[in-house]
Amino acid sequence: MQATVTKDGETIKAAICGRLDTVTSAELNEQLKSAGIDNCDIDLDFVGVEYI
């Protein structure tokens, strides 16, 4: 799983590619937390996800 996480004002955008499963979801969670998700809208792009 690869994720590109950016913050634009009050919105966090994450473009996710690859497999998102119980192993990789913790990595995504940490990336979102480090972007500062408190009081933000989150826009998740799953176009590149092969498996959930």
PDB file of N, CA and C in Angstrom:
ATOM      1  N   MET A   1       0.840  -1.158   0.000  1.00  0.00           N
ATOM      2  CA  MET A   1       0.000   0.000   0.000  1.00  0.00           C
ATOM      3  C   MET A   1       0.891   1.228   0.000  1.00  0.00           C
ATOM      4  N   GLN A   2       0.548   2.170  -0.845  1.00  0.00           N
ATOM      5  CA  GLN A   2       1.198   3.468  -0.864  1.00  0.00           C
ATOM      6  C   GLN A   2       0.117   4.515  -0.756  1.00  0.00           C
ATOM      7  N   ALA A   3       0.386   5.554   0.008  1.00  0.00           N
ATOM      8  CA  ALA A   3      -0.579   6.634   0.149  1.00  0.00           C
ATOM      9  C   ALA A   3       0.148   7.969   0.053  1.00  0.00           C
ATOM     10  N   THR A   4      -0.439   8.875  -0.703  1.00  0.00           N
ATOM     11  CA  THR A   4       0.045  10.241  -0.779  1.00  0.00           C
ATOM     12  C   THR A   4      -0.951  11.087   0.006  1.00  0.00           C
ATOM     13  N   VAL A   5      -0.501  11.612   1.136  1.00  0.00           N
ATOM     14  CA  VAL A   5      -1.381  12.366   2.026  1.00  0.00           C
ATOM     15  C   VAL A   5      -0.953  13.821   2.008  1.00  0.00           C
ATOM     16  N   THR A   6      -1.911  14.707   1.698  1.00  0.00           N
ATOM     17  CA  THR A   6      -1.656  16.144   1.687  1.00  0.00           C
ATOM     18  C   THR A   6      -2.744  16.854   2.474  1.00  0.00           C
ATOM     19  N   LYS A   7      -2.394  18.005   3.002  1.00  0.00           N
ATOM     20  CA  LYS A   7      -3.368  18.806   3.744  1.00  0.00           C
ATOM     21  C   LYS A   7      -3.538  20.134   3.032  1.00  0.00           C
ATOM     22  N   ASP A   8      -4.776  20.464   2.732  1.00  0.00           N
ATOM     23  CA  ASP A   8      -5.104  21.701   2.045  1.00  0.00           C
ATOM     24  C   ASP A   8      -6.125  22.447   2.893  1.00  0.00           C
ATOM     25  N   GLY A   9      -5.634  23.327   3.752  1.00  0.00           N
ATOM     26  CA  GLY A   9      -6.534  24.043   4.651  1.00  0.00           C
ATOM     27  C   GLY A   9      -7.155  23.104   5.660  1.00  0.00           C
ATOM     28  N   GLU A  10      -8.470  22.968   5.591  1.00  0.00           N
ATOM     29  CA  GLU A  10      -9.215  22.116   6.523  1.00  0.00           C
ATOM     30  C   GLU A  10      -9.529  20.747   5.929  1.00  0.00           C
ATOM     31  N   THR A  11      -8.894  20.403   4.817  1.00  0.00           N
ATOM     32  CA  THR A  11      -9.147  19.123   4.165  1.00  0.00           C
ATOM     33  C   THR A  11      -7.858  18.339   4.009  1.00  0.00           C
ATOM     34  N   ILE A  12      -7.923  17.074   4.381  1.00  0.00           N
ATOM     35  CA  ILE A  12      -6.808  16.157   4.168  1.00  0.00           C
ATOM     36  C   ILE A  12      -7.193  15.254   3.010  1.00  0.00           C
ATOM     37  N   LYS A  13      -6.301  15.153   2.024  1.00  0.00           N
ATOM     38  CA  LYS A  13      -6.542  14.313   0.862  1.00  0.00           C
ATOM     39  C   LYS A  13      -5.545  13.172   0.872  1.00  0.00           C
ATOM     40  N   ALA A  14      -6.052  11.953   0.663  1.00  0.00           N
ATOM     41  CA  ALA A  14      -5.184  10.768   0.631  1.00  0.00           C
ATOM     42  C   ALA A  14      -5.499   9.962  -0.618  1.00  0.00           C
ATOM     43  N   ALA A  15      -4.507   9.830  -1.501  1.00  0.00           N
ATOM     44  CA  ALA A  15      -4.618   8.984  -2.687  1.00  0.00           C
ATOM     45  C   ALA A  15      -3.925   7.668  -2.344  1.00  0.00           C
ATOM     46  N   ILE A  16      -4.691   6.592  -2.361  1.00  0.00           N
ATOM     47  CA  ILE A  16      -4.207   5.292  -1.904  1.00  0.00           C
ATOM     48  C   ILE A  16      -4.064   4.354  -3.095  1.00  0.00           C
ATOM     49  N   CYS A  17      -2.944   3.629  -3.146  1.00  0.00           N
ATOM     50  CA  CYS A  17      -2.683   2.658  -4.217  1.00  0.00           C
ATOM     51  C   CYS A  17      -2.262   1.327  -3.605  1.00  0.00           C
ATOM     52  N   GLY A  18      -2.594   0.253  -4.308  1.00  0.00           N
ATOM     53  CA  GLY A  18      -2.168  -1.069  -3.868  1.00  0.00           C
ATOM     54  C   GLY A  18      -3.237  -1.794  -3.077  1.00  0.00           C
ATOM     55  N   ARG A  19      -2.797  -2.526  -2.071  1.00  0.00           N
ATOM     56  CA  ARG A  19      -3.705  -3.318  -1.237  1.00  0.00           C
ATOM     57  C   ARG A  19      -3.901  -2.634   0.110  1.00  0.00           C
ATOM     58  N   LEU A  20      -5.148  -2.499   0.517  1.00  0.00           N
ATOM     59  CA  LEU A  20      -5.472  -1.962   1.835  1.00  0.00           C
ATOM     60  C   LEU A  20      -6.117  -3.098   2.622  1.00  0.00           C
ATOM     61  N   ASP A  21      -5.379  -3.596   3.621  1.00  0.00           N
ATOM     62  CA  ASP A  21      -5.865  -4.732   4.405  1.00  0.00           C
ATOM     63  C   ASP A  21      -5.511  -4.532   5.877  1.00  0.00           C
ATOM     64  N   THR A  22      -5.670  -5.556   6.672  1.00  0.00           N
ATOM     65  CA  THR A  22      -5.426  -5.428   8.109  1.00  0.00           C
ATOM     66  C   THR A  22      -3.973  -5.111   8.431  1.00  0.00           C
ATOM     67  N   VAL A  23      -3.066  -5.484   7.562  1.00  0.00           N
ATOM     68  CA  VAL A  23      -1.645  -5.201   7.783  1.00  0.00           C
ATOM     69  C   VAL A  23      -1.319  -3.755   7.409  1.00  0.00           C
ATOM     70  N   THR A  24      -1.792  -3.306   6.249  1.00  0.00           N
ATOM     71  CA  THR A  24      -1.433  -1.974   5.760  1.00  0.00           C
ATOM     72  C   THR A  24      -2.314  -0.862   6.304  1.00  0.00           C
ATOM     73  N   SER A  25      -3.461  -1.198   6.880  1.00  0.00           N
ATOM     74  CA  SER A  25      -4.354  -0.152   7.394  1.00  0.00           C
ATOM     75  C   SER A  25      -3.716   0.619   8.551  1.00  0.00           C
ATOM     76  N   ALA A  26      -2.882  -0.021   9.342  1.00  0.00           N
ATOM     77  CA  ALA A  26      -2.202   0.672  10.439  1.00  0.00           C
ATOM     78  C   ALA A  26      -1.243   1.733   9.890  1.00  0.00           C
ATOM     79  N   GLU A  27      -0.576   1.423   8.788  1.00  0.00           N
ATOM     80  CA  GLU A  27       0.323   2.388   8.153  1.00  0.00           C
ATOM     81  C   GLU A  27      -0.462   3.605   7.644  1.00  0.00           C
ATOM     82  N   LEU A  28      -1.605   3.357   7.008  1.00  0.00           N
ATOM     83  CA  LEU A  28      -2.447   4.458   6.527  1.00  0.00           C
ATOM     84  C   LEU A  28      -2.935   5.299   7.695  1.00  0.00           C
ATOM     85  N   ASN A  29      -3.347   4.646   8.767  1.00  0.00           N
ATOM     86  CA  ASN A  29      -3.818   5.350   9.954  1.00  0.00           C
ATOM     87  C   ASN A  29      -2.732   6.285  10.497  1.00  0.00           C
ATOM     88  N   GLU A  30      -1.506   5.812  10.575  1.00  0.00           N
ATOM     89  CA  GLU A  30      -0.399   6.635  11.073  1.00  0.00           C
ATOM     90  C   GLU A  30      -0.126   7.821  10.156  1.00  0.00           C
ATOM     91  N   GLN A  31      -0.202   7.597   8.840  1.00  0.00           N
ATOM     92  CA  GLN A  31       0.022   8.697   7.898  1.00  0.00           C
ATOM     93  C   GLN A  31      -1.058   9.771   8.044  1.00  0.00           C
ATOM     94  N   LEU A  32      -2.295   9.343   8.239  1.00  0.00           N
ATOM     95  CA  LEU A  32      -3.383  10.311   8.415  1.00  0.00           C
ATOM     96  C   LEU A  32      -3.232  11.063   9.730  1.00  0.00           C
ATOM     97  N   LYS A  33      -2.881  10.358  10.787  1.00  0.00           N
ATOM     98  CA  LYS A  33      -2.672  11.014  12.078  1.00  0.00           C
ATOM     99  C   LYS A  33      -1.556  12.040  12.014  1.00  0.00           C
ATOM    100  N   SER A  34      -0.468  11.699  11.332  1.00  0.00           N
ATOM    101  CA  SER A  34       0.670  12.623  11.262  1.00  0.00           C
ATOM    102  C   SER A  34       0.344  13.861  10.438  1.00  0.00           C
ATOM    103  N   ALA A  35      -0.669  13.773   9.585  1.00  0.00           N
ATOM    104  CA  ALA A  35      -1.098  14.941   8.806  1.00  0.00           C
ATOM    105  C   ALA A  35      -1.976  15.872   9.644  1.00  0.00           C
ATOM    106  N   GLY A  36      -2.399  15.424  10.828  1.00  0.00           N
ATOM    107  CA  GLY A  36      -3.215  16.258  11.706  1.00  0.00           C
ATOM    108  C   GLY A  36      -4.684  16.218  11.338  1.00  0.00           C
ATOM    109  N   ILE A  37      -5.325  15.067  11.509  1.00  0.00           N
ATOM    110  CA  ILE A  37      -6.714  14.882  11.068  1.00  0.00           C
ATOM    111  C   ILE A  37      -7.759  15.506  11.981  1.00  0.00           C
ATOM    112  N   ASP A  38      -7.355  16.016  13.133  1.00  0.00           N
ATOM    113  CA  ASP A  38      -8.331  16.605  14.056  1.00  0.00           C
ATOM    114  C   ASP A  38      -9.031  17.794  13.404  1.00  0.00           C
ATOM    115  N   ASN A  39     -10.358  17.792  13.472  1.00  0.00           N
ATOM    116  CA  ASN A  39     -11.199  18.882  12.964  1.00  0.00           C
ATOM    117  C   ASN A  39     -11.004  19.154  11.475  1.00  0.00           C
ATOM    118  N   CYS A  40     -10.726  18.108  10.701  1.00  0.00           N
ATOM    119  CA  CYS A  40     -10.544  18.249   9.254  1.00  0.00           C
ATOM    120  C   CYS A  40     -11.502  17.320   8.518  1.00  0.00           C
ATOM    121  N   ASP A  41     -11.826  17.703   7.300  1.00  0.00           N
ATOM    122  CA  ASP A  41     -12.521  16.799   6.395  1.00  0.00           C
ATOM    123  C   ASP A  41     -11.460  15.888   5.780  1.00  0.00           C
ATOM    124  N   ILE A  42     -11.843  14.653   5.498  1.00  0.00           N
ATOM    125  CA  ILE A  42     -10.901  13.713   4.902  1.00  0.00           C
ATOM    126  C   ILE A  42     -11.466  13.243   3.570  1.00  0.00           C
ATOM    127  N   ASP A  43     -10.683  13.414   2.510  1.00  0.00           N
ATOM    128  CA  ASP A  43     -11.052  13.005   1.160  1.00  0.00           C
ATOM    129  C   ASP A  43     -10.149  11.836   0.776  1.00  0.00           C
ATOM    130  N   LEU A  44     -10.739  10.631   0.694  1.00  0.00           N
ATOM    131  CA  LEU A  44      -9.972   9.424   0.374  1.00  0.00           C
ATOM    132  C   LEU A  44     -10.210   9.032  -1.074  1.00  0.00           C
ATOM    133  N   ASP A  45      -9.142   8.874  -1.828  1.00  0.00           N
ATOM    134  CA  ASP A  45      -9.193   8.475  -3.222  1.00  0.00           C
ATOM    135  C   ASP A  45      -8.764   7.013  -3.329  1.00  0.00           C
ATOM    136  N   PHE A  46      -9.715   6.124  -3.611  1.00  0.00           N
ATOM    137  CA  PHE A  46      -9.453   4.690  -3.673  1.00  0.00           C
ATOM    138  C   PHE A  46      -9.294   4.179  -5.100  1.00  0.00           C
ATOM    139  N   VAL A  47      -9.135   5.066  -6.077  1.00  0.00           N
ATOM    140  CA  VAL A  47      -9.047   4.655  -7.473  1.00  0.00           C
ATOM    141  C   VAL A  47      -7.928   3.653  -7.705  1.00  0.00           C
ATOM    142  N   GLY A  48      -6.791   3.835  -7.065  1.00  0.00           N
ATOM    143  CA  GLY A  48      -5.643   2.962  -7.272  1.00  0.00           C
ATOM    144  C   GLY A  48      -5.601   1.745  -6.377  1.00  0.00           C
ATOM    145  N   VAL A  49      -6.651   1.520  -5.574  1.00  0.00           N
ATOM    146  CA  VAL A  49      -6.666   0.390  -4.653  1.00  0.00           C
ATOM    147  C   VAL A  49      -7.102  -0.877  -5.401  1.00  0.00           C
ATOM    148  N   GLU A  50      -6.276  -1.911  -5.281  1.00  0.00           N
ATOM    149  CA  GLU A  50      -6.560  -3.192  -5.951  1.00  0.00           C
ATOM    150  C   GLU A  50      -7.392  -4.116  -5.064  1.00  0.00           C
ATOM    151  N   TYR A  51      -7.282  -3.948  -3.748  1.00  0.00           N
ATOM    152  CA  TYR A  51      -7.927  -4.873  -2.816  1.00  0.00           C
ATOM    153  C   TYR A  51      -8.199  -4.155  -1.506  1.00  0.00           C
ATOM    154  N   ILE A  52      -9.400  -4.335  -0.972  1.00  0.00           N
ATOM    155  CA  ILE A  52      -9.717  -3.833   0.363  1.00  0.00           C
ATOM    156  C   ILE A  52     -10.172  -5.013   1.191  1.00  0.00           C
TER     157      ILE A  52
END
